[in-house]
Amino acid sequence: MHKLPARFAKEEYCYLTTTGRVTGNPHEIEIWFGLNDNTVYLMSGDGKSDWVKNLRKHPAVIVRIAKQTFNASARLVEDEAEQTLARNLLADKYNERRANGTLSKWARTALVIGLDVSSEKR
């Protein structure tokens, strides 16, 4: 596993390339993310986005942060402790926490995806 530099956490967006579930063509999106060691966390509000459907069929993805590109394997985050970690990372980074400390509806309910980075793509 490839540990990502902590400085990447400060980047505003990452770029996720999935393989189209129907066409087989690459599709890139710009998306908010959280970072913990070698895992990039993403969240989808309704879990029905094309990028989520694509990675469910083809979990091998490419993620770009700053000017570096990595191979990764996508998975639904089902572990409650890991979900909590990811939700808090994104809520704190993108101001999705209310004044009383509770998470916004999006941060509480969005589908959590983990991208486990395996290697730098050359």
Protein backbone atom coordinates (compact mmCIF):
# COMPACT_ATOMS: atom_id res chain seq x y z
CA MET A 1 0.00 0.00 0.00
CA HIS A 2 1.13 3.50 -0.82
CA LYS A 3 0.87 6.07 1.98
CA LEU A 4 -0.28 9.39 0.60
CA PRO A 5 1.49 12.59 1.70
CA ALA A 6 -0.42 14.42 4.46
CA ARG A 7 -0.16 17.66 2.44
CA PHE A 8 -2.67 16.21 -0.03
CA ALA A 9 -5.39 16.53 2.62
CA LYS A 10 -5.27 20.31 2.12
CA GLU A 11 -6.19 20.10 -1.57
CA GLU A 12 -9.76 21.23 -2.20
CA TYR A 13 -10.67 18.49 -4.68
CA CYS A 14 -9.50 15.20 -6.01
CA TYR A 15 -10.24 13.79 -9.45
CA LEU A 16 -11.72 10.33 -9.72
CA THR A 17 -11.63 8.34 -12.95
CA THR A 18 -14.00 5.41 -13.14
CA THR A 19 -14.66 2.97 -15.97
CA GLY A 20 -18.12 3.35 -17.48
CA ARG A 21 -20.33 0.43 -16.51
CA VAL A 22 -21.98 0.41 -19.96
CA THR A 23 -19.44 1.97 -22.34
CA GLY A 24 -16.19 0.87 -20.72
CA ASN A 25 -14.89 4.41 -21.32
CA PRO A 26 -13.03 6.38 -18.64
CA HIS A 27 -15.05 9.07 -16.82
CA GLU A 28 -13.41 11.72 -14.64
CA ILE A 29 -15.14 13.83 -11.99
CA GLU A 30 -13.95 16.52 -9.59
CA ILE A 31 -15.09 15.73 -6.06
CA TRP A 32 -14.65 16.60 -2.39
CA PHE A 33 -12.55 14.12 -0.44
CA GLY A 34 -11.07 13.26 2.91
CA LEU A 35 -7.73 11.54 3.41
CA ASN A 36 -6.53 9.08 6.02
CA ASP A 37 -3.20 7.29 5.40
CA ASN A 38 -3.61 5.45 2.09
CA THR A 39 -7.41 5.80 1.86
CA VAL A 40 -9.24 8.57 0.06
CA TYR A 41 -12.83 8.96 1.26
CA LEU A 42 -15.64 10.23 -0.94
CA MET A 43 -19.33 10.68 -0.19
CA SER A 44 -22.32 10.55 -2.52
CA GLY A 45 -25.49 12.30 -1.36
CA ASP A 46 -27.92 9.76 -2.73
CA GLY A 47 -25.55 6.94 -3.66
CA LYS A 48 -27.10 6.86 -7.13
CA SER A 49 -24.54 8.97 -8.98
CA ASP A 50 -23.09 7.55 -12.19
CA TRP A 51 -19.62 7.47 -10.64
CA VAL A 52 -20.93 5.27 -7.80
CA LYS A 53 -22.69 2.94 -10.25
CA ASN A 54 -19.49 2.75 -12.30
CA LEU A 55 -17.19 1.88 -9.40
CA ARG A 56 -19.63 -0.73 -8.11
CA LYS A 57 -19.21 -2.56 -11.41
CA HIS A 58 -15.50 -1.72 -11.90
CA PRO A 59 -13.82 -1.03 -8.52
CA ALA A 60 -10.39 -0.40 -10.08
CA VAL A 61 -10.20 3.40 -10.28
CA ILE A 62 -7.67 6.18 -10.72
CA VAL A 63 -7.48 9.08 -8.29
CA ARG A 64 -5.53 12.29 -8.88
CA ILE A 65 -4.62 14.68 -6.10
CA ALA A 66 -2.62 17.79 -6.91
CA LYS A 67 -0.43 16.61 -9.80
CA GLN A 68 -0.02 13.00 -8.70
CA THR A 69 -2.10 10.12 -9.97
CA PHE A 70 -2.67 6.82 -8.18
CA ASN A 71 -4.27 3.45 -8.82
CA ALA A 72 -6.88 2.57 -6.23
CA SER A 73 -9.56 0.05 -5.42
CA ALA A 74 -13.00 1.44 -4.53
CA ARG A 75 -15.28 -0.05 -1.91
CA LEU A 76 -18.39 0.83 0.01
CA VAL A 77 -17.43 1.66 3.59
CA GLU A 78 -19.61 -0.51 5.81
CA ASP A 79 -17.65 -0.46 9.07
CA GLU A 80 -19.35 2.01 11.41
CA ALA A 81 -16.13 3.35 12.96
CA GLU A 82 -14.60 3.93 9.52
CA GLN A 83 -17.80 5.62 8.31
CA THR A 84 -17.69 7.94 11.32
CA LEU A 85 -14.04 8.78 10.59
CA ALA A 86 -14.82 9.57 6.93
CA ARG A 87 -17.94 11.60 7.73
CA ASN A 88 -16.03 13.71 10.27
CA LEU A 89 -13.07 14.23 7.91
CA LEU A 90 -15.31 15.58 5.15
CA ALA A 91 -17.64 17.52 7.46
CA ASP A 92 -14.72 19.35 9.08
CA LYS A 93 -12.95 20.01 5.80
CA TYR A 94 -16.00 21.34 3.95
CA ASN A 95 -17.85 23.11 6.78
CA GLU A 96 -20.62 20.53 6.95
CA ARG A 97 -20.87 20.72 10.73
CA ARG A 98 -23.49 22.86 12.46
CA ALA A 99 -22.66 25.36 15.21
CA ASN A 100 -23.84 22.86 17.84
CA GLY A 101 -21.30 20.31 16.55
CA THR A 102 -23.72 18.00 14.75
CA LEU A 103 -23.13 16.99 11.16
CA SER A 104 -25.21 18.35 8.31
CA LYS A 105 -27.79 16.02 6.78
CA TRP A 106 -25.42 15.31 3.86
CA ALA A 107 -22.53 14.46 6.19
CA ARG A 108 -24.77 12.17 8.29
CA THR A 109 -26.52 10.32 5.48
CA ALA A 110 -24.36 10.27 2.34
CA LEU A 111 -22.99 6.97 1.05
CA VAL A 112 -19.33 6.63 2.08
CA ILE A 113 -16.83 5.25 -0.46
CA GLY A 114 -13.24 4.35 0.35
CA LEU A 115 -10.53 4.39 -2.30
CA ASP A 116 -7.62 2.27 -1.12
CA VAL A 117 -4.56 3.54 -2.95
CA SER A 118 -2.22 0.78 -4.10
CA SER A 119 0.45 2.50 -6.18
CA GLU A 120 1.44 5.67 -7.96
CA LYS A 121 0.44 5.62 -11.60
CA ARG A 122 3.24 6.56 -13.96
